[in-house]
Amino acid sequence: MSPSKCIETKSSISPALIMIPDISGFTQYINNADLSHSQVRIASLLEAILESNILGLHVSEIEGDAILFYSMNNTSTYDQIIEQCKLMFTRFHEKLKEFEGSGCQCGSCHKLQKLTLKFILHFGQLGSVMVQDYCKLYGKDMIIAHRLLKNKILTKEYILFTQNFISQYLESDTVNLIDWAEVKMVKRSIVDIGAVKYNYLNLKRPLNINSPYMV
């Protein structure tokens, strides 16, 4: 968000879609990989996600191993948003496959294959504030989205979507539109916020990287 746009909206609160694709295993990878080589690889993975942003979501910031996307006045459908996650996931793994086939045997490239990708989808109220020349999005719903990055889901690659997201994008509170994966529901208590309900569906690396992603 540009400073001028932030100034225009800083006194108001707007409903917004929040999407966070997050690379898991990033800390361990950086700790064990050559910094000069790994930073190029990580940048390429993040660019693969950014370049597959077909819904035109805005980027608030790149948070090291995650990208904070948001959209106010979003008109996308539930199916379109889920498909957006699947496309980003596929492009991420296509890039990993590309690195694997490059022939490079360095530790940085070898350890890349252990990286995984998950998504947080939430809908809520966001405000913005200028801090010198930087525009920062803020609000309880931004906190919820980031807190959900740490959860008790046992699998490493999944799409997590909150009850707020479901209520905004589905006509009913039951998720019955996904025929390619089992949807599971969880209720979690977040300190200082309270109970947050969310659903998630597992993602799986495609055997054929060029085929549509399915589980």
C-alpha atoms as a PDB file:
ATOM      1  CA  MET A   1       0.000   0.000   0.000  1.00  0.00           C
ATOM      2  CA  SER A   2       1.454   3.365  -0.990  1.00  0.00           C
ATOM      3  CA  PRO A   3       1.867   6.154   1.612  1.00  0.00           C
ATOM      4  CA  SER A   4      -0.818   8.253  -0.099  1.00  0.00           C
ATOM      5  CA  LYS A   5      -3.290   5.376  -0.069  1.00  0.00           C
ATOM      6  CA  CYS A   6      -2.474   4.668   3.545  1.00  0.00           C
ATOM      7  CA  ILE A   7      -3.087   8.300   4.487  1.00  0.00           C
ATOM      8  CA  GLU A   8      -6.462   8.185   2.736  1.00  0.00           C
ATOM      9  CA  THR A   9      -7.599   5.135   4.677  1.00  0.00           C
ATOM     10  CA  LYS A  10      -5.778   5.379   8.006  1.00  0.00           C
ATOM     11  CA  SER A  11      -8.789   6.785   9.848  1.00  0.00           C
ATOM     12  CA  SER A  12     -11.144   4.095   8.538  1.00  0.00           C
ATOM     13  CA  ILE A  13     -11.563   0.379   8.994  1.00  0.00           C
ATOM     14  CA  SER A  14     -12.170  -1.775   5.927  1.00  0.00           C
ATOM     15  CA  PRO A  15     -13.249  -5.413   5.490  1.00  0.00           C
ATOM     16  CA  ALA A  16     -10.489  -7.360   3.809  1.00  0.00           C
ATOM     17  CA  LEU A  17      -9.373 -10.762   2.622  1.00  0.00           C
ATOM     18  CA  ILE A  18      -6.063 -11.823   4.172  1.00  0.00           C
ATOM     19  CA  MET A  19      -3.944 -14.509   2.522  1.00  0.00           C
ATOM     20  CA  ILE A  20      -0.551 -15.625   3.815  1.00  0.00           C
ATOM     21  CA  PRO A  21       1.461 -18.221   1.868  1.00  0.00           C
ATOM     22  CA  ASP A  22       4.167 -19.339   4.311  1.00  0.00           C
ATOM     23  CA  ILE A  23       7.301 -21.387   3.565  1.00  0.00           C
ATOM     24  CA  SER A  24       7.854 -23.920   6.355  1.00  0.00           C
ATOM     25  CA  GLY A  25      11.345 -25.173   7.168  1.00  0.00           C
ATOM     26  CA  PHE A  26      12.776 -21.759   6.290  1.00  0.00           C
ATOM     27  CA  THR A  27      14.640 -21.160   9.568  1.00  0.00           C
ATOM     28  CA  GLN A  28      16.353 -24.540   9.511  1.00  0.00           C
ATOM     29  CA  TYR A  29      17.201 -24.085   5.840  1.00  0.00           C
ATOM     30  CA  ILE A  30      18.804 -20.654   6.350  1.00  0.00           C
ATOM     31  CA  ASN A  31      20.682 -21.928   9.405  1.00  0.00           C
ATOM     32  CA  ASN A  32      22.317 -24.719   7.395  1.00  0.00           C
ATOM     33  CA  ALA A  33      22.627 -23.270   3.886  1.00  0.00           C
ATOM     34  CA  ASP A  34      25.173 -20.969   2.283  1.00  0.00           C
ATOM     35  CA  LEU A  35      23.725 -17.480   2.655  1.00  0.00           C
ATOM     36  CA  SER A  36      24.922 -16.065  -0.677  1.00  0.00           C
ATOM     37  CA  HIS A  37      23.426 -18.974  -2.630  1.00  0.00           C
ATOM     38  CA  SER A  38      20.319 -19.585  -0.558  1.00  0.00           C
ATOM     39  CA  GLN A  39      19.096 -15.990  -0.786  1.00  0.00           C
ATOM     40  CA  VAL A  40      18.882 -16.297  -4.568  1.00  0.00           C
ATOM     41  CA  ARG A  41      16.920 -19.534  -4.309  1.00  0.00           C
ATOM     42  CA  ILE A  42      14.494 -18.197  -1.694  1.00  0.00           C
ATOM     43  CA  ALA A  43      13.931 -15.045  -3.749  1.00  0.00           C
ATOM     44  CA  SER A  44      13.061 -17.221  -6.762  1.00  0.00           C
ATOM     45  CA  LEU A  45      10.546 -19.225  -4.723  1.00  0.00           C
ATOM     46  CA  LEU A  46       8.867 -16.070  -3.435  1.00  0.00           C
ATOM     47  CA  GLU A  47       8.814 -14.618  -6.958  1.00  0.00           C
ATOM     48  CA  ALA A  48       7.113 -17.787  -8.234  1.00  0.00           C
ATOM     49  CA  ILE A  49       4.335 -17.177  -5.713  1.00  0.00           C
ATOM     50  CA  LEU A  50       4.070 -13.476  -6.558  1.00  0.00           C
ATOM     51  CA  GLU A  51       3.982 -14.091 -10.302  1.00  0.00           C
ATOM     52  CA  SER A  52       1.082 -16.544  -9.955  1.00  0.00           C
ATOM     53  CA  ASN A  53      -1.112 -13.961  -8.221  1.00  0.00           C
ATOM     54  CA  ILE A  54      -3.875 -14.094 -10.837  1.00  0.00           C
ATOM     55  CA  LEU A  55      -6.488 -12.544  -8.511  1.00  0.00           C
ATOM     56  CA  GLY A  56      -4.541  -9.282  -8.324  1.00  0.00           C
ATOM     57  CA  LEU A  57      -4.191  -9.354  -4.539  1.00  0.00           C
ATOM     58  CA  HIS A  58      -2.215  -6.511  -2.991  1.00  0.00           C
ATOM     59  CA  VAL A  59       1.095  -7.229  -1.260  1.00  0.00           C
ATOM     60  CA  SER A  60       1.431  -5.564   2.126  1.00  0.00           C
ATOM     61  CA  GLU A  61       4.916  -6.911   2.789  1.00  0.00           C
ATOM     62  CA  ILE A  62       7.257  -9.857   2.348  1.00  0.00           C
ATOM     63  CA  GLU A  63       7.931 -11.280   5.785  1.00  0.00           C
ATOM     64  CA  GLY A  64      11.093 -13.291   5.178  1.00  0.00           C
ATOM     65  CA  ASP A  65       9.511 -16.681   4.540  1.00  0.00           C
ATOM     66  CA  ALA A  66       5.946 -15.483   3.927  1.00  0.00           C
ATOM     67  CA  ILE A  67       4.031 -13.005   1.784  1.00  0.00           C
ATOM     68  CA  LEU A  68       1.210 -10.975   3.284  1.00  0.00           C
ATOM     69  CA  PHE A  69      -1.465 -10.566   0.604  1.00  0.00           C
ATOM     70  CA  TYR A  70      -4.669  -8.639   1.192  1.00  0.00           C
ATOM     71  CA  SER A  71      -7.621  -7.332  -0.763  1.00  0.00           C
ATOM     72  CA  MET A  72     -10.271  -4.844   0.261  1.00  0.00           C
ATOM     73  CA  ASN A  73     -13.549  -4.922  -1.666  1.00  0.00           C
ATOM     74  CA  ASN A  74     -12.584  -8.354  -2.961  1.00  0.00           C
ATOM     75  CA  THR A  75     -15.075  -9.830  -5.433  1.00  0.00           C
ATOM     76  CA  SER A  76     -13.439 -13.243  -5.878  1.00  0.00           C
ATOM     77  CA  THR A  77     -15.448 -16.364  -5.129  1.00  0.00           C
ATOM     78  CA  TYR A  78     -14.582 -19.081  -2.648  1.00  0.00           C
ATOM     79  CA  ASP A  79     -13.587 -21.455  -5.449  1.00  0.00           C
ATOM     80  CA  GLN A  80     -11.398 -18.831  -7.112  1.00  0.00           C
ATOM     81  CA  ILE A  81      -9.493 -18.151  -3.888  1.00  0.00           C
ATOM     82  CA  ILE A  82      -8.914 -21.859  -3.245  1.00  0.00           C
ATOM     83  CA  GLU A  83      -7.762 -22.269  -6.858  1.00  0.00           C
ATOM     84  CA  GLN A  84      -5.421 -19.318  -6.355  1.00  0.00           C
ATOM     85  CA  CYS A  85      -3.770 -21.132  -3.448  1.00  0.00           C
ATOM     86  CA  LYS A  86      -3.461 -24.306  -5.513  1.00  0.00           C
ATOM     87  CA  LEU A  87      -1.832 -22.388  -8.374  1.00  0.00           C
ATOM     88  CA  MET A  88       0.701 -20.745  -6.055  1.00  0.00           C
ATOM     89  CA  PHE A  89       1.405 -24.138  -4.500  1.00  0.00           C
ATOM     90  CA  THR A  90       1.985 -25.725  -7.911  1.00  0.00           C
ATOM     91  CA  ARG A  91       4.284 -22.914  -9.090  1.00  0.00           C
ATOM     92  CA  PHE A  92       6.254 -23.169  -5.825  1.00  0.00           C
ATOM     93  CA  HIS A  93       6.863 -26.882  -6.384  1.00  0.00           C
ATOM     94  CA  GLU A  94       7.614 -26.379 -10.066  1.00  0.00           C
ATOM     95  CA  LYS A  95      10.408 -24.034  -9.021  1.00  0.00           C
ATOM     96  CA  LEU A  96      11.707 -26.570  -6.483  1.00  0.00           C
ATOM     97  CA  LYS A  97      11.676 -29.206  -9.232  1.00  0.00           C
ATOM     98  CA  GLU A  98      13.602 -26.840 -11.475  1.00  0.00           C
ATOM     99  CA  PHE A  99      16.292 -26.397  -8.815  1.00  0.00           C
ATOM    100  CA  GLU A 100      16.442 -30.154  -8.263  1.00  0.00           C
ATOM    101  CA  GLY A 101      17.068 -30.713 -11.957  1.00  0.00           C
ATOM    102  CA  SER A 102      19.732 -28.016 -12.225  1.00  0.00           C
ATOM    103  CA  GLY A 103      22.502 -30.490 -11.338  1.00  0.00           C
ATOM    104  CA  CYS A 104      23.814 -28.326  -8.514  1.00  0.00           C
ATOM    105  CA  GLN A 105      25.020 -30.534  -5.642  1.00  0.00           C
ATOM    106  CA  CYS A 106      25.616 -27.811  -3.061  1.00  0.00           C
ATOM    107  CA  GLY A 107      24.031 -28.082   0.373  1.00  0.00           C
ATOM    108  CA  SER A 108      21.787 -25.087  -0.281  1.00  0.00           C
ATOM    109  CA  CYS A 109      20.105 -26.692  -3.291  1.00  0.00           C
ATOM    110  CA  HIS A 110      19.877 -30.118  -1.672  1.00  0.00           C
ATOM    111  CA  LYS A 111      18.146 -28.768   1.442  1.00  0.00           C
ATOM    112  CA  LEU A 112      15.674 -26.777  -0.649  1.00  0.00           C
ATOM    113  CA  GLN A 113      13.672 -29.932  -1.306  1.00  0.00           C
ATOM    114  CA  LYS A 114      12.698 -30.080   2.377  1.00  0.00           C
ATOM    115  CA  LEU A 115      10.870 -26.743   2.185  1.00  0.00           C
ATOM    116  CA  THR A 116       7.064 -26.854   2.244  1.00  0.00           C
ATOM    117  CA  LEU A 117       4.256 -24.345   1.681  1.00  0.00           C
ATOM    118  CA  LYS A 118       1.063 -23.673   3.618  1.00  0.00           C
ATOM    119  CA  PHE A 119      -1.655 -21.017   3.359  1.00  0.00           C
ATOM    120  CA  ILE A 120      -3.663 -18.999   5.874  1.00  0.00           C
ATOM    121  CA  LEU A 121      -6.967 -17.527   4.646  1.00  0.00           C
ATOM    122  CA  HIS A 122      -8.894 -15.124   6.849  1.00  0.00           C
ATOM    123  CA  PHE A 123     -11.442 -12.360   6.433  1.00  0.00           C
ATOM    124  CA  GLY A 124     -11.828  -9.450   8.824  1.00  0.00           C
ATOM    125  CA  GLN A 125     -11.502  -5.770   9.564  1.00  0.00           C
ATOM    126  CA  LEU A 126      -8.224  -3.981   8.834  1.00  0.00           C
ATOM    127  CA  GLY A 127      -6.936  -0.508   9.518  1.00  0.00           C
ATOM    128  CA  SER A 128      -3.695   1.118   8.363  1.00  0.00           C
ATOM    129  CA  VAL A 129      -1.233   3.519   9.909  1.00  0.00           C
ATOM    130  CA  MET A 130       1.794   5.435   8.643  1.00  0.00           C
ATOM    131  CA  VAL A 131       5.046   4.965  10.576  1.00  0.00           C
ATOM    132  CA  GLN A 132       7.405   7.485   8.972  1.00  0.00           C
ATOM    133  CA  ASP A 133       7.401   6.364   5.293  1.00  0.00           C
ATOM    134  CA  TYR A 134       5.993   2.902   5.974  1.00  0.00           C
ATOM    135  CA  CYS A 135       2.362   1.918   5.795  1.00  0.00           C
ATOM    136  CA  LYS A 136       1.399  -0.864   8.194  1.00  0.00           C
ATOM    137  CA  LEU A 137      -1.852  -2.795   8.211  1.00  0.00           C
ATOM    138  CA  TYR A 138      -3.125  -3.553  11.675  1.00  0.00           C
ATOM    139  CA  GLY A 139      -6.050  -4.878  13.652  1.00  0.00           C
ATOM    140  CA  LYS A 140      -7.233  -7.912  15.586  1.00  0.00           C
ATOM    141  CA  ASP A 141      -7.843  -9.888  12.414  1.00  0.00           C
ATOM    142  CA  MET A 142      -4.273  -9.340  11.269  1.00  0.00           C
ATOM    143  CA  ILE A 143      -3.116 -10.752  14.608  1.00  0.00           C
ATOM    144  CA  ILE A 144      -5.406 -13.764  14.224  1.00  0.00           C
ATOM    145  CA  ALA A 145      -4.068 -14.547  10.748  1.00  0.00           C
ATOM    146  CA  HIS A 146      -0.463 -14.441  11.944  1.00  0.00           C
ATOM    147  CA  ARG A 147      -1.133 -16.408  15.130  1.00  0.00           C
ATOM    148  CA  LEU A 148      -2.660 -19.192  13.029  1.00  0.00           C
ATOM    149  CA  LEU A 149       0.680 -19.687  11.278  1.00  0.00           C
ATOM    150  CA  LYS A 150       1.592 -21.591  14.436  1.00  0.00           C
ATOM    151  CA  ASN A 151      -0.918 -24.368  14.996  1.00  0.00           C
ATOM    152  CA  LYS A 152      -1.240 -28.065  15.790  1.00  0.00           C
ATOM    153  CA  ILE A 153      -1.950 -29.310  12.275  1.00  0.00           C
ATOM    154  CA  LEU A 154       0.274 -32.349  11.842  1.00  0.00           C
ATOM    155  CA  THR A 155       0.780 -32.112   8.092  1.00  0.00           C
ATOM    156  CA  LYS A 156       3.149 -29.514   6.663  1.00  0.00           C
ATOM    157  CA  GLU A 157       1.301 -28.441   3.531  1.00  0.00           C
ATOM    158  CA  TYR A 158      -2.315 -27.309   3.739  1.00  0.00           C
ATOM    159  CA  ILE A 159      -4.829 -24.511   3.239  1.00  0.00           C
ATOM    160  CA  LEU A 160      -6.214 -23.221   6.539  1.00  0.00           C
ATOM    161  CA  PHE A 161      -9.320 -21.057   6.300  1.00  0.00           C
ATOM    162  CA  THR A 162     -11.127 -19.513   9.232  1.00  0.00           C
ATOM    163  CA  GLN A 163     -14.838 -19.475   9.999  1.00  0.00           C
ATOM    164  CA  ASN A 164     -14.805 -15.749   9.173  1.00  0.00           C
ATOM    165  CA  PHE A 165     -13.543 -16.600   5.702  1.00  0.00           C
ATOM    166  CA  ILE A 166     -16.234 -19.263   5.256  1.00  0.00           C
ATOM    167  CA  SER A 167     -18.983 -16.912   6.442  1.00  0.00           C
ATOM    168  CA  GLN A 168     -17.881 -14.290   3.917  1.00  0.00           C
ATOM    169  CA  TYR A 169     -17.464 -16.498   0.872  1.00  0.00           C
ATOM    170  CA  LEU A 170     -19.983 -19.312   1.347  1.00  0.00           C
ATOM    171  CA  GLU A 171     -23.737 -19.062   1.646  1.00  0.00           C
ATOM    172  CA  SER A 172     -23.784 -21.578   4.504  1.00  0.00           C
ATOM    173  CA  ASP A 173     -21.386 -22.361   7.337  1.00  0.00           C
ATOM    174  CA  THR A 174     -20.762 -25.879   6.087  1.00  0.00           C
ATOM    175  CA  VAL A 175     -17.938 -26.550   3.673  1.00  0.00           C
ATOM    176  CA  ASN A 176     -19.388 -28.870   1.053  1.00  0.00           C
ATOM    177  CA  LEU A 177     -17.945 -27.514  -2.177  1.00  0.00           C
ATOM    178  CA  ILE A 178     -14.599 -29.334  -2.132  1.00  0.00           C
ATOM    179  CA  ASP A 179     -14.724 -32.729  -3.806  1.00  0.00           C
ATOM    180  CA  TRP A 180     -10.957 -33.270  -4.091  1.00  0.00           C
ATOM    181  CA  ALA A 181      -9.955 -33.206  -0.407  1.00  0.00           C
ATOM    182  CA  GLU A 182     -11.298 -33.928   3.061  1.00  0.00           C
ATOM    183  CA  VAL A 183     -12.023 -30.766   5.023  1.00  0.00           C
ATOM    184  CA  LYS A 184     -11.323 -30.890   8.754  1.00  0.00           C
ATOM    185  CA  MET A 185     -12.523 -28.416  11.382  1.00  0.00           C
ATOM    186  CA  VAL A 186     -10.597 -27.251  14.455  1.00  0.00           C
ATOM    187  CA  LYS A 187     -11.401 -24.881  17.303  1.00  0.00           C
ATOM    188  CA  ARG A 188      -8.467 -23.090  18.915  1.00  0.00           C
ATOM    189  CA  SER A 189      -8.150 -20.570  21.717  1.00  0.00           C
ATOM    190  CA  ILE A 190      -5.793 -17.655  21.023  1.00  0.00           C
ATOM    191  CA  VAL A 191      -4.394 -15.762  23.999  1.00  0.00           C
ATOM    192  CA  ASP A 192      -6.047 -12.336  24.477  1.00  0.00           C
ATOM    193  CA  ILE A 193      -8.426 -13.021  21.562  1.00  0.00           C
ATOM    194  CA  GLY A 194     -10.468 -16.102  22.414  1.00  0.00           C
ATOM    195  CA  ALA A 195     -11.791 -19.054  20.435  1.00  0.00           C
ATOM    196  CA  VAL A 196     -11.153 -19.131  16.691  1.00  0.00           C
ATOM    197  CA  LYS A 197     -12.697 -21.807  14.467  1.00  0.00           C
ATOM    198  CA  TYR A 198     -10.936 -22.841  11.313  1.00  0.00           C
ATOM    199  CA  ASN A 199     -11.036 -25.535   8.666  1.00  0.00           C
ATOM    200  CA  TYR A 200      -8.126 -26.979   6.754  1.00  0.00           C
ATOM    201  CA  LEU A 201      -7.471 -29.318   3.886  1.00  0.00           C
ATOM    202  CA  ASN A 202      -4.227 -31.117   3.231  1.00  0.00           C
ATOM    203  CA  LEU A 203      -2.123 -30.440   0.174  1.00  0.00           C
ATOM    204  CA  LYS A 204       0.114 -33.002  -1.479  1.00  0.00           C
ATOM    205  CA  ARG A 205       2.990 -32.581  -3.898  1.00  0.00           C
ATOM    206  CA  PRO A 206       1.900 -33.615  -7.407  1.00  0.00           C
ATOM    207  CA  LEU A 207       3.651 -36.603  -8.968  1.00  0.00           C
ATOM    208  CA  ASN A 208       3.381 -34.926 -12.361  1.00  0.00           C
ATOM    209  CA  ILE A 209       4.312 -31.305 -11.760  1.00  0.00           C
ATOM    210  CA  ASN A 210       2.655 -30.199 -15.019  1.00  0.00           C
ATOM    211  CA  SER A 211      -0.780 -31.634 -14.190  1.00  0.00           C
ATOM    212  CA  PRO A 212      -3.480 -29.758 -12.240  1.00  0.00           C
ATOM    213  CA  TYR A 213      -2.874 -30.167  -8.535  1.00  0.00           C
ATOM    214  CA  MET A 214      -5.161 -32.627  -6.789  1.00  0.00           C
ATOM    215  CA  VAL A 215      -5.028 -34.701  -3.591  1.00  0.00           C
END
